[in-house]
PDB file of N, CA and C in Angstrom:
ATOM      1  N   MET A   1      37.570 -13.653 -33.086  1.00  0.00           N
ATOM      2  CA  MET A   1      37.267 -15.035 -33.932  1.00  0.00           C
ATOM      3  C   MET A   1      38.050 -14.606 -35.183  1.00  0.00           C
ATOM      4  N   LYS A   2      38.307 -13.683 -35.438  1.00  0.00           N
ATOM      5  CA  LYS A   2      39.155 -13.499 -36.676  1.00  0.00           C
ATOM      6  C   LYS A   2      40.325 -14.507 -36.459  1.00  0.00           C
ATOM      7  N   ASN A   3      41.425 -14.646 -35.454  1.00  0.00           N
ATOM      8  CA  ASN A   3      42.586 -15.190 -35.312  1.00  0.00           C
ATOM      9  C   ASN A   3      42.042 -16.563 -34.760  1.00  0.00           C
ATOM     10  N   GLU A   4      41.166 -17.037 -33.892  1.00  0.00           N
ATOM     11  CA  GLU A   4      40.432 -18.843 -33.812  1.00  0.00           C
ATOM     12  C   GLU A   4      40.186 -19.022 -35.244  1.00  0.00           C
ATOM     13  N   CYS A   5      39.495 -18.534 -36.227  1.00  0.00           N
ATOM     14  CA  CYS A   5      38.961 -18.896 -37.737  1.00  0.00           C
ATOM     15  C   CYS A   5      40.149 -18.795 -38.487  1.00  0.00           C
ATOM     16  N   PRO A   6      40.842 -19.595 -39.081  1.00  0.00           N
ATOM     17  CA  PRO A   6      41.319 -19.310 -40.100  1.00  0.00           C
ATOM     18  C   PRO A   6      41.087 -19.037 -41.653  1.00  0.00           C
ATOM     19  N   LYS A   7      39.527 -19.945 -41.468  1.00  0.00           N
ATOM     20  CA  LYS A   7      38.574 -19.992 -43.076  1.00  0.00           C
ATOM     21  C   LYS A   7      37.627 -18.833 -42.764  1.00  0.00           C
ATOM     22  N   TRP A   8      37.792 -17.711 -41.641  1.00  0.00           N
ATOM     23  CA  TRP A   8      37.518 -16.558 -42.063  1.00  0.00           C
ATOM     24  C   TRP A   8      38.422 -15.515 -42.734  1.00  0.00           C
ATOM     25  N   LYS A   9      39.385 -15.824 -42.939  1.00  0.00           N
ATOM     26  CA  LYS A   9      40.360 -15.101 -43.781  1.00  0.00           C
ATOM     27  C   LYS A   9      40.238 -15.318 -45.583  1.00  0.00           C
ATOM     28  N   ILE A  10      40.016 -17.272 -45.221  1.00  0.00           N
ATOM     29  CA  ILE A  10      40.031 -17.420 -46.533  1.00  0.00           C
ATOM     30  C   ILE A  10      38.631 -16.539 -47.404  1.00  0.00           C
ATOM     31  N   LEU A  11      37.471 -16.705 -46.556  1.00  0.00           N
ATOM     32  CA  LEU A  11      35.856 -15.894 -47.019  1.00  0.00           C
ATOM     33  C   LEU A  11      36.163 -14.666 -47.404  1.00  0.00           C
ATOM     34  N   GLY A  12      37.250 -14.027 -46.573  1.00  0.00           N
ATOM     35  CA  GLY A  12      37.508 -12.625 -46.998  1.00  0.00           C
ATOM     36  C   GLY A  12      36.525 -11.513 -45.925  1.00  0.00           C
ATOM     37  N   GLY A  13      37.012 -11.203 -44.882  1.00  0.00           N
ATOM     38  CA  GLY A  13      36.228 -10.316 -44.135  1.00  0.00           C
ATOM     39  C   GLY A  13      35.686  -9.145 -44.773  1.00  0.00           C
ATOM     40  N   ALA A  14      35.873  -8.857 -45.438  1.00  0.00           N
ATOM     41  CA  ALA A  14      35.373  -7.562 -46.078  1.00  0.00           C
ATOM     42  C   ALA A  14      33.787  -7.890 -46.553  1.00  0.00           C
ATOM     43  N   GLU A  15      33.344  -8.706 -46.668  1.00  0.00           N
ATOM     44  CA  GLU A  15      32.022  -9.362 -47.028  1.00  0.00           C
ATOM     45  C   GLU A  15      30.873  -8.676 -45.524  1.00  0.00           C
ATOM     46  N   GLY A  16      31.547  -9.053 -44.200  1.00  0.00           N
ATOM     47  CA  GLY A  16      30.813  -8.370 -43.189  1.00  0.00           C
ATOM     48  C   GLY A  16      31.018  -9.583 -42.185  1.00  0.00           C
ATOM     49  N   THR A  17      30.748  -9.027 -41.005  1.00  0.00           N
ATOM     50  CA  THR A  17      31.414 -10.000 -39.579  1.00  0.00           C
ATOM     51  C   THR A  17      29.940 -11.058 -39.342  1.00  0.00           C
ATOM     52  N   THR A  18      29.008 -10.805 -39.519  1.00  0.00           N
ATOM     53  CA  THR A  18      27.494 -11.662 -39.600  1.00  0.00           C
ATOM     54  C   THR A  18      27.735 -12.286 -40.575  1.00  0.00           C
ATOM     55  N   MET A  19      27.655 -12.294 -41.902  1.00  0.00           N
ATOM     56  CA  MET A  19      27.638 -13.273 -42.907  1.00  0.00           C
ATOM     57  C   MET A  19      28.961 -13.932 -43.324  1.00  0.00           C
ATOM     58  N   SER A  20      30.079 -13.123 -42.868  1.00  0.00           N
ATOM     59  CA  SER A  20      30.925 -14.056 -42.702  1.00  0.00           C
ATOM     60  C   SER A  20      30.905 -15.358 -41.999  1.00  0.00           C
ATOM     61  N   LYS A  21      30.333 -14.869 -40.766  1.00  0.00           N
ATOM     62  CA  LYS A  21      30.393 -16.199 -39.437  1.00  0.00           C
ATOM     63  C   LYS A  21      29.551 -17.256 -40.534  1.00  0.00           C
ATOM     64  N   GLY A  22      28.102 -16.978 -40.868  1.00  0.00           N
ATOM     65  CA  GLY A  22      27.404 -17.886 -41.003  1.00  0.00           C
ATOM     66  C   GLY A  22      27.836 -18.468 -42.442  1.00  0.00           C
ATOM     67  N   ARG A  23      29.147 -18.358 -43.307  1.00  0.00           N
ATOM     68  CA  ARG A  23      29.722 -18.917 -44.632  1.00  0.00           C
ATOM     69  C   ARG A  23      30.514 -19.837 -43.927  1.00  0.00           C
ATOM     70  N   VAL A  24      31.005 -19.601 -42.783  1.00  0.00           N
ATOM     71  CA  VAL A  24      32.237 -20.317 -42.321  1.00  0.00           C
ATOM     72  C   VAL A  24      31.462 -21.760 -41.779  1.00  0.00           C
ATOM     73  N   TYR A  25      30.618 -21.741 -41.100  1.00  0.00           N
ATOM     74  CA  TYR A  25      29.650 -22.677 -41.030  1.00  0.00           C
ATOM     75  C   TYR A  25      28.694 -23.355 -42.065  1.00  0.00           C
ATOM     76  N   THR A  26      28.358 -22.360 -43.187  1.00  0.00           N
ATOM     77  CA  THR A  26      28.194 -23.166 -44.256  1.00  0.00           C
ATOM     78  C   THR A  26      29.191 -23.985 -44.660  1.00  0.00           C
ATOM     79  N   ILE A  27      30.579 -23.673 -44.618  1.00  0.00           N
ATOM     80  CA  ILE A  27      31.312 -24.675 -45.260  1.00  0.00           C
ATOM     81  C   ILE A  27      31.326 -25.787 -44.865  1.00  0.00           C
ATOM     82  N   ASP A  28      31.618 -25.601 -43.434  1.00  0.00           N
ATOM     83  CA  ASP A  28      31.391 -26.666 -42.841  1.00  0.00           C
ATOM     84  C   ASP A  28      30.621 -27.475 -42.557  1.00  0.00           C
ATOM     85  N   GLY A  29      29.625 -26.943 -42.502  1.00  0.00           N
ATOM     86  CA  GLY A  29      28.232 -27.666 -42.371  1.00  0.00           C
ATOM     87  C   GLY A  29      28.033 -28.264 -44.169  1.00  0.00           C
ATOM     88  N   GLY A  30      28.220 -27.567 -44.943  1.00  0.00           N
ATOM     89  CA  GLY A  30      27.660 -28.070 -46.058  1.00  0.00           C
ATOM     90  C   GLY A  30      26.747 -27.912 -46.755  1.00  0.00           C
ATOM     91  N   LYS A  31      25.887 -26.945 -45.688  1.00  0.00           N
ATOM     92  CA  LYS A  31      24.074 -26.391 -46.305  1.00  0.00           C
ATOM     93  C   LYS A  31      24.151 -25.120 -46.240  1.00  0.00           C
ATOM     94  N   SER A  32      23.701 -24.761 -47.467  1.00  0.00           N
ATOM     95  CA  SER A  32      24.317 -23.196 -47.743  1.00  0.00           C
ATOM     96  C   SER A  32      22.906 -22.342 -47.028  1.00  0.00           C
ATOM     97  N   THR A  33      22.041 -22.924 -47.472  1.00  0.00           N
ATOM     98  CA  THR A  33      20.560 -22.566 -47.076  1.00  0.00           C
ATOM     99  C   THR A  33      20.057 -22.883 -45.065  1.00  0.00           C
ATOM    100  N   GLY A  34      20.165 -23.812 -44.905  1.00  0.00           N
ATOM    101  CA  GLY A  34      19.806 -24.662 -43.538  1.00  0.00           C
ATOM    102  C   GLY A  34      20.556 -23.940 -42.901  1.00  0.00           C
ATOM    103  N   ASP A  35      22.291 -23.903 -42.765  1.00  0.00           N
ATOM    104  CA  ASP A  35      23.202 -23.537 -41.589  1.00  0.00           C
ATOM    105  C   ASP A  35      22.203 -21.902 -41.445  1.00  0.00           C
ATOM    106  N   ASN A  36      22.585 -21.245 -42.367  1.00  0.00           N
ATOM    107  CA  ASN A  36      22.440 -19.489 -42.396  1.00  0.00           C
ATOM    108  C   ASN A  36      20.840 -19.295 -41.549  1.00  0.00           C
ATOM    109  N   SER A  37      20.175 -20.187 -41.972  1.00  0.00           N
ATOM    110  CA  SER A  37      19.180 -20.001 -41.456  1.00  0.00           C
ATOM    111  C   SER A  37      18.677 -20.425 -39.731  1.00  0.00           C
ATOM    112  N   LEU A  38      19.849 -20.780 -39.370  1.00  0.00           N
ATOM    113  CA  LEU A  38      19.564 -21.605 -38.322  1.00  0.00           C
ATOM    114  C   LEU A  38      20.351 -20.656 -37.593  1.00  0.00           C
ATOM    115  N   ILE A  39      21.461 -19.863 -38.276  1.00  0.00           N
ATOM    116  CA  ILE A  39      22.501 -19.256 -37.196  1.00  0.00           C
ATOM    117  C   ILE A  39      21.761 -17.709 -37.080  1.00  0.00           C
ATOM    118  N   ALA A  40      20.995 -17.224 -38.590  1.00  0.00           N
ATOM    119  CA  ALA A  40      20.653 -16.257 -38.681  1.00  0.00           C
ATOM    120  C   ALA A  40      19.319 -16.183 -37.700  1.00  0.00           C
TER     121      ALA A  40
END
């Protein structure tokens, strides 16, 4: 997933795997709470 998602590195993988994945979709979707709720 890290290699397939360049944004993952921008967010910083140190924040956490699950949280980072959620934030990747958050940036793409533009929704902070909405997308996170659906993913989580």
